[in-house]
C-alpha cells in the first residue's frame, strides 16, 4: 500500500509558519537584548565602582551632573573673580597665578594688558589694597560652552580714601580635566571680557 503524499500547500504553509515564528522570535530576542543593554548602560553611567578590602566590587551612586553643574560654575566664577581682583602688594602675584589657571588665553591677555598699563606697578607704588566685596553671576547652562555675566563689587583703599567700583564681565565656560588644587572644578573661562567699570557713589 502506497503512502499518501501530503498536500504541498499545507506543507508550504507549515514551513512558512515555522519560518515566521523563528524570525519573530529572533526579532523579539534582539529587541529585548538591546533594551537590556541600554538600561544597563544608563545605570552604569550614573554609577561608579570601588573595591573594598574584601575584594568585592561595590557600586556607588553618583549625583547627576546637572544637579552639581550650576553650583560648580558659580563657585568657579566666584573663585576666579576673587583671585583676579582681590589683590594687594603682598598677595597679587600669588592670587593672579591662581586666577590664570582658571581661564584661557583671553584671561592671560587681559592680565598682560593690565601689566603693560602699569596697574600692578601702581598697586606696589601706592600700597593700594583692592578688596572684593561681592560676586554675583548670571549663567546659562542649556548647552556648552556655558555663558556667564558676572557683576563684581570691589573697593580700592588708597589710605585715607576708599572708593567702591562695580565691574561687569562676560565670557564662556568649558569643561577641562580637573587639576587639584589648581583647577578643582574642571572648568575653564574663555572669551573673557571686562564690559564696564563704574564708580559706585556713596548714598550718604
Protein backbone atom coordinates (compact mmCIF):
# COMPACT_ATOMS: atom_id res chain seq x y z
CA UNK A 1 0.00 0.00 0.00
CA UNK A 2 1.46 3.38 -1.04
CA UNK A 3 1.92 6.13 1.50
CA UNK A 4 -0.27 9.07 0.51
CA UNK A 5 1.65 12.31 -0.18
CA UNK A 6 0.79 15.33 1.91
CA UNK A 7 -0.82 18.27 0.22
CA UNK A 8 2.00 20.50 -1.00
CA UNK A 9 0.14 23.68 0.05
CA UNK A 10 -0.31 22.50 3.61
CA UNK A 11 3.40 21.67 3.74
CA UNK A 12 4.35 25.11 2.44
CA UNK A 13 2.02 26.80 4.92
CA UNK A 14 3.53 24.80 7.74
CA UNK A 15 7.06 25.73 6.67
CA UNK A 16 6.09 29.38 6.33
CA UNK A 17 4.61 29.34 9.84
CA UNK A 18 7.81 27.84 11.23
CA UNK A 19 10.00 30.40 9.43
CA UNK A 20 7.83 33.32 10.56
CA UNK A 21 7.86 32.03 14.14
CA UNK A 22 11.67 31.79 14.10
CA UNK A 23 12.03 35.29 12.58
CA UNK A 24 9.59 36.84 15.06
CA UNK A 25 11.26 35.06 17.97
CA UNK A 26 14.72 36.20 16.87
CA UNK A 27 13.49 39.78 16.39
CA UNK A 28 11.88 39.86 19.84
CA UNK A 29 15.07 38.45 21.37
CA UNK A 30 17.16 41.18 19.69
CA UNK A 31 14.79 43.93 20.85
CA UNK A 32 14.79 42.65 24.43
CA UNK A 33 18.60 42.35 24.37
CA UNK A 34 19.01 45.91 23.09
CA UNK A 35 16.64 47.24 25.77
CA UNK A 36 18.56 45.41 28.48
CA UNK A 37 21.91 46.73 27.20
CA UNK A 38 20.61 50.31 27.06
CA UNK A 39 19.19 50.02 30.57
CA UNK A 40 22.49 48.65 31.93
CA UNK A 41 24.40 51.39 30.11
CA UNK A 42 22.21 54.14 31.57
CA UNK A 43 22.58 52.71 35.05
CA UNK A 44 26.34 52.36 34.64
CA UNK A 45 26.74 55.99 33.58
CA UNK A 46 25.28 57.12 36.89
CA UNK A 47 27.38 54.76 38.98
CA UNK A 48 30.98 54.41 39.97
CA UNK A 49 32.54 51.30 41.42
CA UNK A 50 35.11 50.67 44.10
CA UNK A 51 36.76 47.57 45.51
CA UNK A 52 36.55 47.13 49.26
CA UNK A 53 39.12 45.44 51.49
CA UNK A 54 37.49 42.04 50.86
CA UNK A 55 37.91 42.35 47.11
CA UNK A 56 34.20 42.88 46.44
CA UNK A 57 33.05 45.43 43.86
CA UNK A 58 30.67 47.97 45.40
CA UNK A 59 28.57 50.30 43.20
CA UNK A 60 28.47 53.91 44.34
CA UNK A 61 25.58 56.08 43.19
CA UNK A 62 26.76 59.41 41.76
CA UNK A 63 24.76 62.61 41.90
CA UNK A 64 23.58 63.65 38.44
CA UNK A 65 25.97 66.15 36.87
CA UNK A 66 23.24 68.66 36.16
CA UNK A 67 22.46 68.97 39.86
CA UNK A 68 26.04 69.98 40.65
CA UNK A 69 26.90 71.87 37.47
CA UNK A 70 25.26 75.15 38.49
CA UNK A 71 26.96 75.10 41.89
CA UNK A 72 30.35 74.32 40.36
CA UNK A 73 30.04 77.05 37.71
CA UNK A 74 29.07 79.71 40.26
CA UNK A 75 31.83 78.61 42.61
CA UNK A 76 34.39 78.67 39.78
CA UNK A 77 33.37 82.20 38.76
CA UNK A 78 33.46 83.47 42.32
CA UNK A 79 36.86 81.91 42.88
CA UNK A 80 38.29 83.40 39.68
CA UNK A 81 36.96 86.92 40.26
CA UNK A 82 38.19 86.85 43.85
CA UNK A 83 41.70 85.77 42.82
CA UNK A 84 41.88 88.20 39.90
CA UNK A 85 40.56 91.32 41.63
CA UNK A 86 41.16 90.79 45.36
CA UNK A 87 44.79 91.92 45.35
CA UNK A 88 47.28 93.96 47.35
CA UNK A 89 51.08 94.34 47.30
CA UNK A 90 51.57 91.23 49.44
CA UNK A 91 49.37 88.75 47.58
CA UNK A 92 48.83 89.94 43.99
CA UNK A 93 51.43 87.66 42.37
CA UNK A 94 50.12 84.56 44.15
CA UNK A 95 46.45 85.42 43.50
CA UNK A 96 46.97 86.24 39.83
CA UNK A 97 48.86 82.99 39.28
CA UNK A 98 45.91 81.08 40.75
CA UNK A 99 43.44 83.05 38.60
CA UNK A 100 45.35 82.29 35.39
CA UNK A 101 44.83 78.56 35.96
CA UNK A 102 41.05 79.12 35.81
CA UNK A 103 40.93 80.84 32.40
CA UNK A 104 42.40 80.51 28.92
CA UNK A 105 44.43 82.92 26.79
CA UNK A 106 41.71 85.59 26.96
CA UNK A 107 42.35 85.92 30.70
CA UNK A 108 46.11 85.89 30.17
CA UNK A 109 45.80 88.61 27.50
CA UNK A 110 43.85 90.83 29.93
CA UNK A 111 46.44 90.23 32.64
CA UNK A 112 49.27 91.21 30.26
CA UNK A 113 47.36 94.31 29.17
CA UNK A 114 46.89 95.43 32.78
CA UNK A 115 50.55 94.73 33.47
CA UNK A 116 51.71 96.77 30.46
CA UNK A 117 49.44 99.64 31.54
CA UNK A 118 51.17 99.72 34.95
CA UNK A 119 48.18 98.57 37.02
CA UNK A 120 50.27 96.32 39.24
CA UNK A 121 53.16 98.79 39.45
CA UNK A 122 50.75 101.40 40.85
CA UNK A 123 49.48 98.78 43.28
CA UNK A 124 53.01 98.44 44.65
CA UNK A 125 53.97 102.11 44.37
CA UNK A 126 50.98 103.43 46.29
CA UNK A 127 50.38 100.38 48.52
CA UNK A 128 46.83 100.04 47.22
CA UNK A 129 44.50 97.42 48.64
CA UNK A 130 41.82 96.15 46.25
CA UNK A 131 39.22 94.08 48.08
CA UNK A 132 36.32 92.14 46.51
CA UNK A 133 33.09 92.71 48.39
CA UNK A 134 30.59 90.73 46.31
CA UNK A 135 30.46 88.48 43.24
CA UNK A 136 27.12 87.76 41.56
CA UNK A 137 26.84 85.74 38.34
CA UNK A 138 24.08 85.01 35.84
CA UNK A 139 24.71 81.75 33.99
CA UNK A 140 23.17 79.86 31.08
CA UNK A 141 23.69 76.08 31.26
CA UNK A 142 21.49 74.85 28.41
CA UNK A 143 24.49 73.93 26.29
CA UNK A 144 28.27 74.03 26.35
CA UNK A 145 30.10 76.40 26.17
CA UNK A 146 28.15 77.92 29.05
CA UNK A 147 27.75 81.69 29.08
CA UNK A 148 28.02 83.96 32.10
CA UNK A 149 27.63 87.58 33.11
CA UNK A 150 29.24 88.49 36.43
CA UNK A 151 28.94 91.65 38.48
CA UNK A 152 31.82 92.18 40.89
CA UNK A 153 31.72 94.82 43.59
CA UNK A 154 35.11 95.79 44.96
CA UNK A 155 36.74 98.64 46.81
CA UNK A 156 40.15 100.25 46.46
CA UNK A 157 41.72 101.54 49.65
CA UNK A 158 44.16 104.39 48.99
CA UNK A 159 44.93 105.06 52.63
CA UNK A 160 42.63 107.88 53.67
CA UNK A 161 40.28 107.38 50.73
CA UNK A 162 38.30 104.24 49.84
CA UNK A 163 36.38 104.08 46.56
CA UNK A 164 33.91 101.36 45.55
CA UNK A 165 33.53 100.13 41.99
CA UNK A 166 31.17 97.87 40.08
CA UNK A 167 32.68 95.73 37.32
CA UNK A 168 30.64 93.72 34.79
CA UNK A 169 32.39 90.88 32.98
CA UNK A 170 31.21 88.27 30.47
CA UNK A 171 32.55 85.11 28.91
CA UNK A 172 32.09 81.39 28.41
CA UNK A 173 32.95 78.25 30.33
CA UNK A 174 34.03 74.87 29.01
CA UNK A 175 34.89 71.58 30.69
CA UNK A 176 38.52 70.55 31.08
CA UNK A 177 40.28 67.89 33.14
CA UNK A 178 40.21 68.59 36.87
CA UNK A 179 43.54 69.61 38.32
CA UNK A 180 43.78 69.59 42.10
CA UNK A 181 44.42 72.07 43.62
CA UNK A 182 44.88 74.41 40.62
CA UNK A 183 41.52 73.82 38.92
CA UNK A 184 39.32 71.69 41.16
CA UNK A 185 36.07 72.38 39.26
CA UNK A 186 37.37 71.19 35.89
CA UNK A 187 36.11 74.37 34.17
CA UNK A 188 37.92 76.93 32.04
CA UNK A 189 36.88 80.54 31.37
CA UNK A 190 37.07 81.55 27.69
CA UNK A 191 36.27 84.74 25.75
CA UNK A 192 36.69 86.72 28.95
CA UNK A 193 35.89 90.41 28.65
CA UNK A 194 35.52 93.37 31.01
CA UNK A 195 32.37 95.08 29.75
CA UNK A 196 32.02 98.03 32.09
CA UNK A 197 33.52 99.59 35.18
CA UNK A 198 31.84 102.33 37.14
CA UNK A 199 32.37 104.03 40.46
CA UNK A 200 29.63 103.45 42.98
CA UNK A 201 28.55 106.69 44.61
CA UNK A 202 28.02 106.80 48.36
CA UNK A 203 24.36 107.02 49.35
CA UNK A 204 25.13 109.20 52.34
